[in-house]
Each structure stands twice: as structure tokens, then as C-alpha cells.
PDB file of N, CA and C in Angstrom:
ATOM      1  N   MET A   1     305.302 -14.327 228.625  1.00  0.00           N
ATOM      2  CA  MET A   1     306.210 -15.032 229.500  1.00  0.00           C
ATOM      3  C   MET A   1     307.326 -14.066 229.920  1.00  0.00           C
ATOM      4  N   ILE A   2     307.772 -14.205 231.136  1.00  0.00           N
ATOM      5  CA  ILE A   2     308.866 -13.386 231.650  1.00  0.00           C
ATOM      6  C   ILE A   2     310.096 -14.270 231.811  1.00  0.00           C
ATOM      7  N   THR A   3     311.188 -13.838 231.204  1.00  0.00           N
ATOM      8  CA  THR A   3     312.451 -14.563 231.277  1.00  0.00           C
ATOM      9  C   THR A   3     313.444 -13.723 232.066  1.00  0.00           C
ATOM     10  N   GLU A   4     314.218 -14.350 232.917  1.00  0.00           N
ATOM     11  CA  GLU A   4     315.280 -13.657 233.650  1.00  0.00           C
ATOM     12  C   GLU A   4     316.620 -14.110 233.100  1.00  0.00           C
ATOM     13  N   VAL A   5     317.493 -13.128 232.831  1.00  0.00           N
ATOM     14  CA  VAL A   5     318.827 -13.431 232.308  1.00  0.00           C
ATOM     15  C   VAL A   5     319.857 -12.558 233.001  1.00  0.00           C
ATOM     16  N   SER A   6     321.082 -13.008 232.968  1.00  0.00           N
ATOM     17  CA  SER A   6     322.175 -12.186 233.494  1.00  0.00           C
ATOM     18  C   SER A   6     322.510 -11.106 232.470  1.00  0.00           C
ATOM     19  N   ALA A   7     323.142 -10.052 232.927  1.00  0.00           N
ATOM     20  CA  ALA A   7     323.541  -8.969 232.033  1.00  0.00           C
ATOM     21  C   ALA A   7     324.492  -9.486 230.951  1.00  0.00           C
ATOM     22  N   VAL A   8     325.376 -10.384 231.323  1.00  0.00           N
ATOM     23  CA  VAL A   8     326.324 -10.949 230.358  1.00  0.00           C
ATOM     24  C   VAL A   8     325.573 -11.734 229.293  1.00  0.00           C
ATOM     25  N   ASN A   9     324.649 -12.590 229.705  1.00  0.00           N
ATOM     26  CA  ASN A   9     323.850 -13.376 228.774  1.00  0.00           C
ATOM     27  C   ASN A   9     323.038 -12.454 227.874  1.00  0.00           C
ATOM     28  N   PHE A  10     322.468 -11.414 228.452  1.00  0.00           N
ATOM     29  CA  PHE A  10     321.683 -10.461 227.667  1.00  0.00           C
ATOM     30  C   PHE A  10     322.550  -9.808 226.597  1.00  0.00           C
ATOM     31  N   ARG A  11     323.731  -9.365 226.986  1.00  0.00           N
ATOM     32  CA  ARG A  11     324.640  -8.704 226.050  1.00  0.00           C
ATOM     33  C   ARG A  11     325.030  -9.657 224.910  1.00  0.00           C
ATOM     34  N   GLN A  12     325.262 -10.915 225.235  1.00  0.00           N
ATOM     35  CA  GLN A  12     325.689 -11.888 224.229  1.00  0.00           C
ATOM     36  C   GLN A  12     324.561 -12.288 223.284  1.00  0.00           C
ATOM     37  N   ASN A  13     323.305 -12.163 223.734  1.00  0.00           N
ATOM     38  CA  ASN A  13     322.161 -12.642 222.956  1.00  0.00           C
ATOM     39  C   ASN A  13     321.141 -11.540 222.675  1.00  0.00           C
ATOM     40  N   LEU A  14     321.607 -10.317 222.560  1.00  0.00           N
ATOM     41  CA  LEU A  14     320.716  -9.179 222.402  1.00  0.00           C
ATOM     42  C   LEU A  14     319.759  -9.332 221.227  1.00  0.00           C
ATOM     43  N   GLY A  15     320.253  -9.692 220.069  1.00  0.00           N
ATOM     44  CA  GLY A  15     319.405  -9.823 218.885  1.00  0.00           C
ATOM     45  C   GLY A  15     318.286 -10.827 219.085  1.00  0.00           C
ATOM     46  N   GLU A  16     318.635 -11.977 219.629  1.00  0.00           N
ATOM     47  CA  GLU A  16     317.648 -13.025 219.877  1.00  0.00           C
ATOM     48  C   GLU A  16     316.598 -12.555 220.885  1.00  0.00           C
ATOM     49  N   MET A  17     317.036 -11.852 221.905  1.00  0.00           N
ATOM     50  CA  MET A  17     316.114 -11.391 222.942  1.00  0.00           C
ATOM     51  C   MET A  17     315.207 -10.277 222.430  1.00  0.00           C
ATOM     52  N   LEU A  18     315.732  -9.422 221.560  1.00  0.00           N
ATOM     53  CA  LEU A  18     314.880  -8.403 220.940  1.00  0.00           C
ATOM     54  C   LEU A  18     313.767  -9.069 220.129  1.00  0.00           C
ATOM     55  N   SER A  19     314.115 -10.111 219.393  1.00  0.00           N
ATOM     56  CA  SER A  19     313.104 -10.845 218.621  1.00  0.00           C
ATOM     57  C   SER A  19     312.086 -11.503 219.546  1.00  0.00           C
ATOM     58  N   GLN A  20     312.557 -12.057 220.627  1.00  0.00           N
ATOM     59  CA  GLN A  20     311.679 -12.710 221.605  1.00  0.00           C
ATOM     60  C   GLN A  20     310.642 -11.705 222.133  1.00  0.00           C
ATOM     61  N   VAL A  21     311.080 -10.509 222.415  1.00  0.00           N
ATOM     62  CA  VAL A  21     310.177  -9.470 222.929  1.00  0.00           C
ATOM     63  C   VAL A  21     309.261  -8.974 221.821  1.00  0.00           C
ATOM     64  N   GLN A  22     309.821  -8.731 220.638  1.00  0.00           N
ATOM     65  CA  GLN A  22     309.041  -8.153 219.549  1.00  0.00           C
ATOM     66  C   GLN A  22     307.994  -9.115 218.997  1.00  0.00           C
ATOM     67  N   TYR A  23     308.338 -10.350 218.776  1.00  0.00           N
ATOM     68  CA  TYR A  23     307.438 -11.268 218.088  1.00  0.00           C
ATOM     69  C   TYR A  23     306.624 -12.156 219.017  1.00  0.00           C
ATOM     70  N   ARG A  24     307.135 -12.427 220.215  1.00  0.00           N
ATOM     71  CA  ARG A  24     306.394 -13.294 221.136  1.00  0.00           C
ATOM     72  C   ARG A  24     305.789 -12.513 222.290  1.00  0.00           C
ATOM     73  N   ASN A  25     306.040 -11.200 222.328  1.00  0.00           N
ATOM     74  CA  ASN A  25     305.538 -10.333 223.400  1.00  0.00           C
ATOM     75  C   ASN A  25     306.004 -10.789 224.777  1.00  0.00           C
ATOM     76  N   ASP A  26     307.170 -11.418 224.828  1.00  0.00           N
ATOM     77  CA  ASP A  26     307.761 -11.802 226.105  1.00  0.00           C
ATOM     78  C   ASP A  26     308.383 -10.573 226.759  1.00  0.00           C
ATOM     79  N   SER A  27     308.687 -10.672 228.017  1.00  0.00           N
ATOM     80  CA  SER A  27     309.421  -9.647 228.740  1.00  0.00           C
ATOM     81  C   SER A  27     310.678 -10.294 229.300  1.00  0.00           C
ATOM     82  N   ILE A  28     311.732  -9.507 229.396  1.00  0.00           N
ATOM     83  CA  ILE A  28     313.002 -10.039 229.891  1.00  0.00           C
ATOM     84  C   ILE A  28     313.485  -9.170 231.045  1.00  0.00           C
ATOM     85  N   VAL A  29     313.762  -9.804 232.169  1.00  0.00           N
ATOM     86  CA  VAL A  29     314.326  -9.120 233.324  1.00  0.00           C
ATOM     87  C   VAL A  29     315.832  -9.383 233.301  1.00  0.00           C
ATOM     88  N   ILE A  30     316.587  -8.306 233.363  1.00  0.00           N
ATOM     89  CA  ILE A  30     318.046  -8.414 233.282  1.00  0.00           C
ATOM     90  C   ILE A  30     318.627  -8.274 234.683  1.00  0.00           C
ATOM     91  N   ASN A  31     319.347  -9.293 235.113  1.00  0.00           N
ATOM     92  CA  ASN A  31     319.941  -9.327 236.453  1.00  0.00           C
ATOM     93  C   ASN A  31     321.432  -9.014 236.386  1.00  0.00           C
ATOM     94  N   LYS A  32     321.893  -8.298 237.382  1.00  0.00           N
ATOM     95  CA  LYS A  32     323.323  -8.040 237.533  1.00  0.00           C
ATOM     96  C   LYS A  32     323.670  -8.386 238.972  1.00  0.00           C
ATOM     97  N   ASP A  33     324.647  -9.233 239.149  1.00  0.00           N
ATOM     98  CA  ASP A  33     325.022  -9.714 240.477  1.00  0.00           C
ATOM     99  C   ASP A  33     323.827 -10.330 241.199  1.00  0.00           C
ATOM    100  N   GLY A  34     322.980 -11.020 240.419  1.00  0.00           N
ATOM    101  CA  GLY A  34     321.846 -11.730 240.998  1.00  0.00           C
ATOM    102  C   GLY A  34     320.632 -10.877 241.324  1.00  0.00           C
ATOM    103  N   ARG A  35     320.696  -9.585 241.006  1.00  0.00           N
ATOM    104  CA  ARG A  35     319.568  -8.690 241.314  1.00  0.00           C
ATOM    105  C   ARG A  35     319.015  -8.066 240.037  1.00  0.00           C
ATOM    106  N   PRO A  36     317.687  -7.924 239.939  1.00  0.00           N
ATOM    107  CA  PRO A  36     317.112  -7.301 238.750  1.00  0.00           C
ATOM    108  C   PRO A  36     317.491  -5.822 238.674  1.00  0.00           C
ATOM    109  N   VAL A  37     317.976  -5.411 237.499  1.00  0.00           N
ATOM    110  CA  VAL A  37     318.383  -4.012 237.312  1.00  0.00           C
ATOM    111  C   VAL A  37     317.645  -3.338 236.165  1.00  0.00           C
ATOM    112  N   ALA A  38     317.062  -4.121 235.257  1.00  0.00           N
ATOM    113  CA  ALA A  38     316.356  -3.544 234.115  1.00  0.00           C
ATOM    114  C   ALA A  38     315.408  -4.590 233.540  1.00  0.00           C
ATOM    115  N   ALA A  39     314.507  -4.111 232.689  1.00  0.00           N
ATOM    116  CA  ALA A  39     313.599  -5.017 232.008  1.00  0.00           C
ATOM    117  C   ALA A  39     313.455  -4.585 230.561  1.00  0.00           C
ATOM    118  N   LEU A  40     313.304  -5.545 229.679  1.00  0.00           N
ATOM    119  CA  LEU A  40     313.066  -5.284 228.270  1.00  0.00           C
ATOM    120  C   LEU A  40     311.648  -5.736 227.974  1.00  0.00           C
ATOM    121  N   VAL A  41     310.814  -4.786 227.571  1.00  0.00           N
ATOM    122  CA  VAL A  41     309.419  -5.088 227.242  1.00  0.00           C
ATOM    123  C   VAL A  41     309.116  -4.518 225.866  1.00  0.00           C
ATOM    124  N   ASP A  42     308.048  -5.017 225.223  1.00  0.00           N
ATOM    125  CA  ASP A  42     307.731  -4.490 223.899  1.00  0.00           C
ATOM    126  C   ASP A  42     307.251  -3.043 224.010  1.00  0.00           C
ATOM    127  N   ALA A  43     307.402  -2.317 222.919  1.00  0.00           N
ATOM    128  CA  ALA A  43     307.131  -0.882 222.916  1.00  0.00           C
ATOM    129  C   ALA A  43     305.682  -0.563 223.269  1.00  0.00           C
ATOM    130  N   GLU A  44     304.749  -1.395 222.847  1.00  0.00           N
ATOM    131  CA  GLU A  44     303.328  -1.155 223.157  1.00  0.00           C
ATOM    132  C   GLU A  44     303.076  -1.251 224.658  1.00  0.00           C
ATOM    133  N   LEU A  45     303.636  -2.257 225.305  1.00  0.00           N
ATOM    134  CA  LEU A  45     303.481  -2.395 226.750  1.00  0.00           C
ATOM    135  C   LEU A  45     304.137  -1.219 227.461  1.00  0.00           C
ATOM    136  N   PHE A  46     305.298  -0.809 227.012  1.00  0.00           N
ATOM    137  CA  PHE A  46     305.979   0.325 227.619  1.00  0.00           C
ATOM    138  C   PHE A  46     305.135   1.588 227.511  1.00  0.00           C
ATOM    139  N   ALA A  47     304.508   1.808 226.364  1.00  0.00           N
ATOM    140  CA  ALA A  47     303.641   2.980 226.178  1.00  0.00           C
ATOM    141  C   ALA A  47     302.456   2.918 227.133  1.00  0.00           C
ATOM    142  N   ARG A  48     301.871   1.739 227.312  1.00  0.00           N
ATOM    143  CA  ARG A  48     300.748   1.589 228.255  1.00  0.00           C
ATOM    144  C   ARG A  48     301.195   1.872 229.684  1.00  0.00           C
ATOM    145  N   ILE A  49     302.368   1.388 230.054  1.00  0.00           N
ATOM    146  CA  ILE A  49     302.898   1.638 231.398  1.00  0.00           C
ATOM    147  C   ILE A  49     303.104   3.129 231.612  1.00  0.00           C
ATOM    148  N   ARG A  50     303.657   3.805 230.618  1.00  0.00           N
ATOM    149  CA  ARG A  50     303.869   5.261 230.732  1.00  0.00           C
ATOM    150  C   ARG A  50     302.550   6.001 230.905  1.00  0.00           C
ATOM    151  N   ARG A  51     301.525   5.609 230.126  1.00  0.00           N
ATOM    152  CA  ARG A  51     300.212   6.254 230.263  1.00  0.00           C
ATOM    153  C   ARG A  51     299.631   6.025 231.648  1.00  0.00           C
ATOM    154  N   MET A  52     299.774   4.811 232.154  1.00  0.00           N
ATOM    155  CA  MET A  52     299.264   4.507 233.497  1.00  0.00           C
ATOM    156  C   MET A  52     299.993   5.336 234.550  1.00  0.00           C
ATOM    157  N   CYS A  53     301.297   5.495 234.412  1.00  0.00           N
ATOM    158  CA  CYS A  53     302.066   6.313 235.354  1.00  0.00           C
ATOM    159  C   CYS A  53     301.616   7.762 235.306  1.00  0.00           C
ATOM    160  N   GLU A  54     301.382   8.278 234.101  1.00  0.00           N
ATOM    161  CA  GLU A  54     300.912   9.656 233.964  1.00  0.00           C
ATOM    162  C   GLU A  54     299.546   9.837 234.621  1.00  0.00           C
ATOM    163  N   ARG A  55     298.645   8.878 234.405  1.00  0.00           N
ATOM    164  CA  ARG A  55     297.315   8.946 235.031  1.00  0.00           C
ATOM    165  C   ARG A  55     297.417   8.858 236.547  1.00  0.00           C
ATOM    166  N   PHE A  56     298.278   7.965 237.028  1.00  0.00           N
ATOM    167  CA  PHE A  56     298.474   7.827 238.472  1.00  0.00           C
ATOM    168  C   PHE A  56     299.009   9.125 239.070  1.00  0.00           C
ATOM    169  N   ASP A  57     299.989   9.725 238.406  1.00  0.00           N
ATOM    170  CA  ASP A  57     300.555  10.986 238.897  1.00  0.00           C
ATOM    171  C   ASP A  57     299.496  12.084 238.930  1.00  0.00           C
ATOM    172  N   ALA A  58     298.665  12.143 237.890  1.00  0.00           N
ATOM    173  CA  ALA A  58     297.608  13.161 237.846  1.00  0.00           C
ATOM    174  C   ALA A  58     296.605  12.934 238.975  1.00  0.00           C
ATOM    175  N   LEU A  59     296.198  11.688 239.176  1.00  0.00           N
ATOM    176  CA  LEU A  59     295.249  11.370 240.244  1.00  0.00           C
ATOM    177  C   LEU A  59     295.860  11.652 241.610  1.00  0.00           C
ATOM    178  N   SER A  60     297.111  11.296 241.806  1.00  0.00           N
ATOM    179  CA  SER A  60     297.785  11.562 243.077  1.00  0.00           C
ATOM    180  C   SER A  60     297.838  13.060 243.355  1.00  0.00           C
ATOM    181  N   GLY A  61     298.089  13.839 242.317  1.00  0.00           N
ATOM    182  CA  GLY A  61     298.123  15.292 242.473  1.00  0.00           C
ATOM    183  C   GLY A  61     296.767  15.845 242.884  1.00  0.00           C
ATOM    184  N   ARG A  62     295.706  15.319 242.269  1.00  0.00           N
ATOM    185  CA  ARG A  62     294.362  15.775 242.630  1.00  0.00           C
ATOM    186  C   ARG A  62     294.030  15.414 244.074  1.00  0.00           C
ATOM    187  N   ILE A  63     294.407  14.223 244.498  1.00  0.00           N
ATOM    188  CA  ILE A  63     294.153  13.802 245.886  1.00  0.00           C
ATOM    189  C   ILE A  63     294.968  14.671 246.846  1.00  0.00           C
ATOM    190  N   ARG A  64     296.223  14.910 246.497  1.00  0.00           N
ATOM    191  CA  ARG A  64     297.094  15.739 247.338  1.00  0.00           C
ATOM    192  C   ARG A  64     296.501  17.139 247.513  1.00  0.00           C
ATOM    193  N   GLU A  65     296.013  17.725 246.418  1.00  0.00           N
ATOM    194  CA  GLU A  65     295.405  19.055 246.488  1.00  0.00           C
ATOM    195  C   GLU A  65     294.129  19.036 247.327  1.00  0.00           C
ATOM    196  N   ALA A  66     293.305  18.007 247.156  1.00  0.00           N
ATOM    197  CA  ALA A  66     292.027  17.932 247.861  1.00  0.00           C
ATOM    198  C   ALA A  66     292.220  17.790 249.369  1.00  0.00           C
ATOM    199  N   TYR A  67     293.300  17.143 249.787  1.00  0.00           N
ATOM    200  CA  TYR A  67     293.523  16.889 251.208  1.00  0.00           C
ATOM    201  C   TYR A  67     294.685  17.706 251.778  1.00  0.00           C
ATOM    202  N   ALA A  68     295.077  18.759 251.087  1.00  0.00           N
ATOM    203  CA  ALA A  68     296.216  19.568 251.527  1.00  0.00           C
ATOM    204  C   ALA A  68     295.998  20.172 252.918  1.00  0.00           C
ATOM    205  N   ALA A  69     294.756  20.480 253.261  1.00  0.00           N
ATOM    206  CA  ALA A  69     294.472  21.126 254.550  1.00  0.00           C
ATOM    207  C   ALA A  69     294.351  20.131 255.699  1.00  0.00           C
ATOM    208  N   VAL A  70     294.334  18.844 255.400  1.00  0.00           N
ATOM    209  CA  VAL A  70     294.178  17.822 256.446  1.00  0.00           C
ATOM    210  C   VAL A  70     295.546  17.536 257.060  1.00  0.00           C
ATOM    211  N   PRO A  71     295.670  17.682 258.385  1.00  0.00           N
ATOM    212  CA  PRO A  71     296.951  17.361 259.039  1.00  0.00           C
ATOM    213  C   PRO A  71     297.333  15.897 258.795  1.00  0.00           C
ATOM    214  N   VAL A  72     298.610  15.652 258.612  1.00  0.00           N
ATOM    215  CA  VAL A  72     299.095  14.306 258.299  1.00  0.00           C
ATOM    216  C   VAL A  72     298.654  13.292 259.348  1.00  0.00           C
ATOM    217  N   ASP A  73     298.800  13.616 260.618  1.00  0.00           N
ATOM    218  CA  ASP A  73     298.429  12.673 261.680  1.00  0.00           C
ATOM    219  C   ASP A  73     296.954  12.318 261.614  1.00  0.00           C
ATOM    220  N   SER A  74     296.109  13.301 261.353  1.00  0.00           N
ATOM    221  CA  SER A  74     294.668  13.040 261.248  1.00  0.00           C
ATOM    222  C   SER A  74     294.365  12.151 260.049  1.00  0.00           C
ATOM    223  N   GLY A  75     295.013  12.439 258.937  1.00  0.00           N
ATOM    224  CA  GLY A  75     294.798  11.633 257.741  1.00  0.00           C
ATOM    225  C   GLY A  75     295.232  10.192 257.934  1.00  0.00           C
ATOM    226  N   LEU A  76     296.397   9.997 258.545  1.00  0.00           N
ATOM    227  CA  LEU A  76     296.882   8.637 258.796  1.00  0.00           C
ATOM    228  C   LEU A  76     295.982   7.892 259.768  1.00  0.00           C
ATOM    229  N   ALA A  77     295.487   8.589 260.794  1.00  0.00           N
ATOM    230  CA  ALA A  77     294.577   7.960 261.751  1.00  0.00           C
ATOM    231  C   ALA A  77     293.289   7.532 261.052  1.00  0.00           C
ATOM    232  N   GLU A  78     292.791   8.356 260.146  1.00  0.00           N
ATOM    233  CA  GLU A  78     291.572   8.017 259.404  1.00  0.00           C
ATOM    234  C   GLU A  78     291.800   6.804 258.502  1.00  0.00           C
ATOM    235  N   ILE A  79     292.946   6.761 257.856  1.00  0.00           N
ATOM    236  CA  ILE A  79     293.276   5.611 257.006  1.00  0.00           C
ATOM    237  C   ILE A  79     293.386   4.345 257.848  1.00  0.00           C
ATOM    238  N   ASP A  80     294.086   4.430 258.986  1.00  0.00           N
ATOM    239  CA  ASP A  80     294.223   3.266 259.869  1.00  0.00           C
ATOM    240  C   ASP A  80     292.861   2.765 260.333  1.00  0.00           C
ATOM    241  N   ALA A  81     291.946   3.682 260.673  1.00  0.00           N
ATOM    242  CA  ALA A  81     290.608   3.299 261.116  1.00  0.00           C
ATOM    243  C   ALA A  81     289.845   2.617 259.980  1.00  0.00           C
ATOM    244  N   ALA A  82     289.965   3.137 258.770  1.00  0.00           N
ATOM    245  CA  ALA A  82     289.271   2.529 257.631  1.00  0.00           C
ATOM    246  C   ALA A  82     289.805   1.130 257.350  1.00  0.00           C
ATOM    247  N   VAL A  83     291.109   0.965 257.399  1.00  0.00           N
ATOM    248  CA  VAL A  83     291.717  -0.352 257.164  1.00  0.00           C
ATOM    249  C   VAL A  83     291.276  -1.333 258.253  1.00  0.00           C
ATOM    250  N   ALA A  84     291.294  -0.886 259.495  1.00  0.00           N
ATOM    251  CA  ALA A  84     290.864  -1.760 260.601  1.00  0.00           C
ATOM    252  C   ALA A  84     289.410  -2.174 260.434  1.00  0.00           C
ATOM    253  N   GLY A  85     288.567  -1.243 259.979  1.00  0.00           N
ATOM    254  CA  GLY A  85     287.161  -1.557 259.745  1.00  0.00           C
ATOM    255  C   GLY A  85     286.964  -2.598 258.664  1.00  0.00           C
ATOM    256  N   VAL A  86     287.726  -2.471 257.602  1.00  0.00           N
ATOM    257  CA  VAL A  86     287.622  -3.440 256.496  1.00  0.00           C
ATOM    258  C   VAL A  86     288.116  -4.804 256.957  1.00  0.00           C
ATOM    259  N   ARG A  87     289.209  -4.840 257.689  1.00  0.00           N
ATOM    260  CA  ARG A  87     289.747  -6.103 258.177  1.00  0.00           C
ATOM    261  C   ARG A  87     288.795  -6.788 259.143  1.00  0.00           C
ATOM    262  N   LYS A  88     288.129  -5.998 259.956  1.00  0.00           N
ATOM    263  CA  LYS A  88     287.194  -6.544 260.946  1.00  0.00           C
ATOM    264  C   LYS A  88     285.975  -7.140 260.238  1.00  0.00           C
ATOM    265  N   ASN A  89     285.507  -6.487 259.191  1.00  0.00           N
ATOM    266  CA  ASN A  89     284.302  -6.927 258.500  1.00  0.00           C
ATOM    267  C   ASN A  89     284.613  -7.812 257.292  1.00  0.00           C
ATOM    268  N   GLY A  90     285.879  -7.908 256.949  1.00  0.00           N
ATOM    269  CA  GLY A  90     286.274  -8.607 255.719  1.00  0.00           C
ATOM    270  C   GLY A  90     286.448 -10.043 255.889  1.00  0.00           C
TER     271      GLY A  90
END
């Protein structure tokens, strides 16, 4: 479950919220001035997110290297054509 709290509420109830995350595997979004500024998630989920980011960065780097010689305009035109094709047939 994801709970949203104000920064003030979070500060006042930190211990309780840490337990909520640790034992119930909940996530807490911390809002300041009505906007989300941070999230508290359990350490296992955070580790998985970090691994996914590392894999994404590695894959993005490989794609960037593979298409380094393709002019940006040509690449974007090819992507637009592929998207249009999928939308037409989808």
C-alpha cells in the first residue's frame, strides 16, 4: 500500500512510519507544500530499483553506442514511422 503524508506528519510519526515500511512493506510518499518530494520504501525494494536503474543505464549505453552513427533526424523519423505503423495496425 502507498500512503501519502505531509513532511510535518512524517517528521512527527517517523518511528511509526518506519515500522509500517519495514513490517508491512508499505511505501510512503512525503509531500511538501502539496507536492511529492521523497518516498520511503523498504530496503529490499530500494535495492531492486537500484539494480533496475543500473541495468537500464547499461542497456541505454549499448543502444547509444550501436546507433551513434545514425543522424538524430533520421532516427526520430524511423521511430515516428514505427509508432505510426503500430497505431495503424494496433
